[in-house]
Amino acid sequence: MTDSPAPETKPYTPASAMAIVAHPDDVEFSCSGTLAKWARAGARISLVLVTSGDVGVARSDITRQQAAALRETEATAASKIIGAAEIIFLREPDGSVEATLGLRRKLVREIRRFKPEVVITGDPTVVWAGDNYINHPDHRAVALATVDAIFPAAGQPHVFEELAAEGLEAHKVRKVYVNNWRDGNLWEPIDDTIDVKVAALKAHQSQMGGWDVEKNIKEWAADRAKDHGMAYAEIFRVVTLESDEDWEKYQGKNVDRAR
């Protein structure tokens, strides 16, 4: 049994953040309130969607390609509501994602290109997500590929060294924010951006149906905030890979600090 993670208490806004998720609307459900708050504070935000959710539209009158185009349009609209600077679609097959070396390379490429201070992703170890849900295999595969891309690959110049020919030098991520509803060490207040979270989710019209987005999202966020001195919250497990001292010392420098 592992010790509970130490709580993160210091307010923090990164200069840049990248969320890497499996499907359109994963960002909106998990971390859009936090991303919107950071964007308002001046952070550059990148969203990387590994699939385009092409099997996630239960309609027989459209093809998978049409479904993918629809969901990319919805995700792009949602990204603008959040305040993201960009949205990237890797277009891996929805429902069949595997944590391959090829996917890891694609993610390393995006990390080295955007150079995020923080990466937000899922927890690859979560299978049983409560008593009535199994964590989607795409979620697990993308989270695992992302973790492996962050450390050590993205920060090691001799891993995928061919990317240097594109001007993409090694980049070490400062912190990883793991979307979590258990074992979290950070309750991020989203009181001022809960309505942004709701609006961004509503942009995914193909997924919402008759679901009461505002009611359910606010109830979940309020439940997560309970006893933490805030109205609404998102929960993360924060892993700090680069100390404040090292981050300031090596920021913007291509220095090999293998360990």
Protein backbone atom coordinates (compact mmCIF):
# COMPACT_ATOMS: atom_id res chain seq x y z
CA MET A 1 0.00 0.00 0.00
CA THR A 2 1.40 3.40 -1.03
CA ASP A 3 1.29 6.52 1.08
CA SER A 4 -1.29 9.15 0.20
CA PRO A 5 0.20 11.95 -1.92
CA ALA A 6 1.15 15.10 -0.04
CA PRO A 7 -1.34 17.91 -0.63
CA GLU A 8 -0.46 20.73 -3.00
CA THR A 9 -1.43 24.02 -1.37
CA LYS A 10 0.50 26.76 -3.16
CA PRO A 11 -1.52 28.66 -5.82
CA TYR A 12 0.02 28.03 -9.21
CA THR A 13 -0.52 29.14 -12.78
CA PRO A 14 1.87 27.75 -15.40
CA ALA A 15 3.06 29.76 -18.37
CA SER A 16 1.88 26.96 -20.67
CA ALA A 17 -0.11 23.77 -20.37
CA MET A 18 -0.96 20.87 -22.66
CA ALA A 19 -3.86 18.49 -22.09
CA ILE A 20 -3.50 15.10 -23.79
CA VAL A 21 -6.69 13.03 -23.93
CA ALA A 22 -8.29 10.24 -25.92
CA HIS A 23 -11.55 11.73 -27.19
CA PRO A 24 -13.40 14.96 -27.92
CA ASP A 25 -15.15 16.06 -24.69
CA ASP A 26 -12.58 14.32 -22.40
CA VAL A 27 -10.95 17.68 -21.71
CA GLU A 28 -14.29 19.32 -21.00
CA PHE A 29 -15.36 16.68 -18.50
CA SER A 30 -12.03 16.44 -16.70
CA CYS A 31 -10.04 19.68 -16.63
CA SER A 32 -11.66 22.47 -18.67
CA GLY A 33 -12.40 24.60 -15.62
CA THR A 34 -8.72 24.61 -14.65
CA LEU A 35 -7.54 25.22 -18.21
CA ALA A 36 -9.98 28.10 -18.67
CA LYS A 37 -8.76 29.67 -15.42
CA TRP A 38 -5.14 29.38 -16.54
CA ALA A 39 -5.99 30.78 -19.99
CA ARG A 40 -7.64 33.80 -18.37
CA ALA A 41 -4.43 34.34 -16.37
CA GLY A 42 -2.37 34.39 -19.57
CA ALA A 43 -1.24 30.76 -19.93
CA ARG A 44 -0.84 29.30 -23.42
CA ILE A 45 -3.07 26.23 -23.70
CA SER A 46 -2.72 23.32 -26.13
CA LEU A 47 -5.23 20.48 -26.46
CA VAL A 48 -4.08 17.19 -28.03
CA LEU A 49 -6.85 14.75 -28.95
CA VAL A 50 -5.52 11.33 -29.85
CA THR A 51 -8.74 10.21 -31.57
CA SER A 52 -11.54 12.18 -33.18
CA GLY A 53 -14.27 10.14 -31.50
CA ASP A 54 -15.41 8.61 -34.77
CA VAL A 55 -17.28 5.70 -33.15
CA GLY A 56 -18.82 7.93 -30.51
CA VAL A 57 -21.84 9.09 -32.53
CA ALA A 58 -24.64 6.51 -32.34
CA ARG A 59 -26.25 7.36 -35.68
CA SER A 60 -26.58 4.94 -38.58
CA ASP A 61 -27.17 7.72 -41.12
CA ILE A 62 -23.57 8.99 -41.07
CA THR A 63 -20.21 7.35 -41.71
CA ARG A 64 -17.30 7.18 -39.29
CA GLN A 65 -15.54 9.84 -41.35
CA GLN A 66 -18.55 12.15 -41.06
CA ALA A 67 -18.78 11.46 -37.34
CA ALA A 68 -15.10 12.34 -36.93
CA ALA A 69 -15.57 15.61 -38.83
CA LEU A 70 -18.60 16.47 -36.69
CA ARG A 71 -16.78 15.80 -33.44
CA GLU A 72 -13.69 17.73 -34.53
CA THR A 73 -15.94 20.71 -35.30
CA GLU A 74 -17.53 20.45 -31.84
CA ALA A 75 -14.16 20.05 -30.12
CA THR A 76 -12.75 23.07 -31.96
CA ALA A 77 -15.71 25.18 -30.85
CA ALA A 78 -15.25 23.98 -27.26
CA SER A 79 -11.53 24.77 -27.34
CA LYS A 80 -12.30 28.38 -28.23
CA ILE A 81 -14.72 28.63 -25.30
CA ILE A 82 -12.00 27.34 -22.96
CA GLY A 83 -9.46 29.78 -24.40
CA ALA A 84 -7.02 27.28 -25.88
CA ALA A 85 -4.41 28.58 -28.29
CA GLU A 86 -4.59 25.42 -30.39
CA ILE A 87 -6.20 22.02 -30.75
CA ILE A 88 -4.35 19.10 -32.34
CA PHE A 89 -6.02 15.96 -33.71
CA LEU A 90 -3.78 12.90 -34.06
CA ARG A 91 -6.63 10.86 -35.61
CA GLU A 92 -5.76 7.50 -34.11
CA PRO A 93 -8.62 4.94 -34.48
CA ASP A 94 -11.33 5.55 -31.90
CA GLY A 95 -11.92 2.54 -29.67
CA SER A 96 -8.67 0.85 -30.71
CA VAL A 97 -5.89 3.01 -29.29
CA GLU A 98 -2.77 1.21 -28.14
CA ALA A 99 0.18 2.65 -26.24
CA THR A 100 2.62 1.93 -29.04
CA LEU A 101 6.08 3.36 -29.63
CA GLY A 102 4.61 5.15 -32.64
CA LEU A 103 2.02 6.95 -30.52
CA ARG A 104 4.68 7.81 -27.95
CA ARG A 105 6.76 9.42 -30.70
CA LYS A 106 3.79 11.49 -31.89
CA LEU A 107 3.21 12.75 -28.36
CA VAL A 108 6.90 13.52 -27.81
CA ARG A 109 6.79 15.54 -31.02
CA GLU A 110 3.88 17.64 -29.72
CA ILE A 111 5.51 18.13 -26.32
CA ARG A 112 8.81 19.24 -27.85
CA ARG A 113 6.99 21.54 -30.28
CA PHE A 114 4.75 23.31 -27.74
CA LYS A 115 7.11 23.01 -24.74
CA PRO A 116 4.43 22.91 -22.04
CA GLU A 117 5.31 23.67 -18.45
CA VAL A 118 2.46 21.38 -17.35
CA VAL A 119 0.90 18.35 -19.03
CA ILE A 120 -2.55 17.19 -17.95
CA THR A 121 -3.53 13.61 -18.70
CA GLY A 122 -5.37 10.62 -17.25
CA ASP A 123 -4.34 7.87 -14.87
CA PRO A 124 -3.24 4.73 -16.77
CA THR A 125 -3.71 2.57 -13.66
CA VAL A 126 -7.45 3.16 -13.26
CA VAL A 127 -9.56 0.28 -14.58
CA TRP A 128 -12.45 0.07 -12.13
CA ALA A 129 -13.81 3.61 -12.04
CA GLY A 130 -16.39 3.34 -9.30
CA ASP A 131 -19.09 0.70 -8.97
CA ASN A 132 -20.77 1.25 -12.32
CA TYR A 133 -18.09 2.16 -14.86
CA ILE A 134 -15.00 0.57 -16.41
CA ASN A 135 -12.44 3.13 -17.50
CA HIS A 136 -12.38 3.23 -21.30
CA PRO A 137 -9.41 1.33 -22.78
CA ASP A 138 -8.59 4.37 -24.95
CA HIS A 139 -8.30 6.47 -21.78
CA ARG A 140 -5.86 4.00 -20.27
CA ALA A 141 -3.80 3.61 -23.45
CA VAL A 142 -3.52 7.36 -24.05
CA ALA A 143 -2.60 8.02 -20.42
CA LEU A 144 0.14 5.36 -20.52
CA ALA A 145 1.54 6.63 -23.83
CA THR A 146 1.50 10.17 -22.45
CA VAL A 147 3.29 9.28 -19.23
CA ASP A 148 5.97 7.43 -21.22
CA ALA A 149 6.29 10.37 -23.62
CA ILE A 150 6.71 12.85 -20.75
CA PHE A 151 9.32 10.83 -18.91
CA PRO A 152 11.90 10.15 -19.95
CA ALA A 153 11.40 10.44 -23.72
CA ALA A 154 10.56 14.10 -24.30
CA GLY A 155 13.44 15.35 -22.19
CA GLN A 156 16.15 13.08 -23.56
CA PRO A 157 17.78 14.38 -26.76
CA HIS A 158 18.87 10.91 -27.91
CA VAL A 159 15.34 9.51 -27.75
CA PHE A 160 13.62 10.18 -31.08
CA GLU A 161 16.68 12.25 -31.95
CA GLU A 162 15.48 12.50 -35.56
CA LEU A 163 12.96 15.11 -34.37
CA ALA A 164 15.85 17.54 -33.98
CA ALA A 165 15.90 17.81 -37.79
CA GLU A 166 12.50 19.53 -37.46
CA GLY A 167 13.95 21.95 -34.91
CA LEU A 168 12.32 20.05 -32.04
CA GLU A 169 14.80 19.86 -29.20
CA ALA A 170 14.39 17.90 -25.97
CA HIS A 171 12.02 19.45 -23.45
CA LYS A 172 11.46 18.48 -19.83
CA VAL A 173 7.97 18.98 -18.42
CA ARG A 174 7.84 20.67 -15.01
CA LYS A 175 4.65 19.13 -13.60
CA VAL A 176 2.15 16.44 -14.54
CA TYR A 177 -1.46 16.94 -13.50
CA VAL A 178 -3.25 13.57 -13.41
CA ASN A 179 -7.02 13.78 -13.69
CA ASN A 180 -8.28 12.10 -10.57
CA TRP A 181 -11.29 11.47 -8.41
CA ARG A 182 -9.34 9.43 -5.87
CA ASP A 183 -5.93 9.86 -4.22
CA GLY A 184 -5.74 13.48 -5.37
CA ASN A 185 -3.39 15.99 -3.78
CA LEU A 186 -4.82 19.13 -5.39
CA TRP A 187 -8.36 20.46 -5.30
CA GLU A 188 -8.30 23.20 -7.94
CA PRO A 189 -11.05 25.79 -7.38
CA ILE A 190 -13.06 26.54 -10.52
CA ASP A 191 -15.71 28.78 -8.98
CA ASP A 192 -15.05 31.48 -11.60
CA THR A 193 -14.93 29.10 -14.59
CA ILE A 194 -17.62 26.51 -13.85
CA ASP A 195 -19.90 28.23 -16.38
CA VAL A 196 -17.11 28.01 -18.98
CA LYS A 197 -16.86 24.27 -18.28
CA VAL A 198 -20.60 23.89 -18.79
CA ALA A 199 -20.59 25.95 -22.00
CA ALA A 200 -17.65 23.99 -23.42
CA LEU A 201 -19.44 20.71 -22.77
CA LYS A 202 -22.61 22.00 -24.41
CA ALA A 203 -20.57 22.57 -27.59
CA HIS A 204 -20.42 18.77 -27.91
CA GLN A 205 -24.01 18.58 -29.06
CA SER A 206 -23.68 15.10 -30.56
CA GLN A 207 -22.87 13.73 -27.11
CA MET A 208 -25.21 15.61 -24.80
CA GLY A 209 -28.62 14.44 -26.02
CA GLY A 210 -31.23 15.21 -23.36
CA TRP A 211 -28.67 15.17 -20.56
CA ASP A 212 -28.89 18.14 -18.16
CA VAL A 213 -25.30 19.35 -18.53
CA GLU A 214 -25.42 22.29 -16.15
CA LYS A 215 -27.17 20.45 -13.34
CA ASN A 216 -24.93 17.39 -13.43
CA ILE A 217 -21.61 19.16 -13.95
CA LYS A 218 -22.27 21.62 -11.14
CA GLU A 219 -23.37 18.83 -8.80
CA TRP A 220 -20.21 16.81 -9.50
CA ALA A 221 -17.91 19.83 -9.16
CA ALA A 222 -19.64 20.87 -5.92
CA ASP A 223 -19.26 17.37 -4.52
CA ARG A 224 -15.53 17.42 -5.30
CA ALA A 225 -15.18 20.83 -3.65
CA LYS A 226 -16.98 19.79 -0.47
CA ASP A 227 -14.98 20.46 2.70
CA HIS A 228 -12.23 22.26 0.77
CA GLY A 229 -13.42 25.86 1.13
CA MET A 230 -14.60 26.33 -2.42
CA ALA A 231 -17.85 26.04 -4.36
CA TYR A 232 -16.61 23.97 -7.31
CA ALA A 233 -13.42 22.00 -7.90
CA GLU A 234 -11.50 19.68 -10.21
CA ILE A 235 -9.21 17.13 -8.57
CA PHE A 236 -5.70 16.22 -9.68
CA ARG A 237 -2.74 14.25 -8.48
CA VAL A 238 0.20 16.56 -9.17
CA VAL A 239 3.62 15.05 -9.84
CA THR A 240 6.49 17.55 -9.82
CA LEU A 241 9.31 16.42 -12.10
CA GLU A 242 11.40 19.60 -12.05
CA SER A 243 12.08 21.55 -8.86
CA ASP A 244 11.58 25.31 -8.82
CA GLU A 245 15.35 25.77 -8.71
CA ASP A 246 16.03 23.47 -11.68
CA TRP A 247 13.13 24.88 -13.71
CA GLU A 248 14.37 28.46 -13.34
CA LYS A 249 17.98 27.45 -13.96
CA TYR A 250 17.41 25.45 -17.11
CA GLN A 251 14.30 27.10 -18.54
CA GLY A 252 14.71 27.49 -22.28
CA LYS A 253 18.06 25.70 -22.35
CA ASN A 254 18.77 22.41 -24.10
CA VAL A 255 20.58 20.69 -21.25
CA ASP A 256 20.77 16.93 -20.81
CA ARG A 257 19.87 16.14 -17.20
CA ALA A 258 19.35 12.41 -17.48
CA ARG A 259 18.53 10.57 -14.29
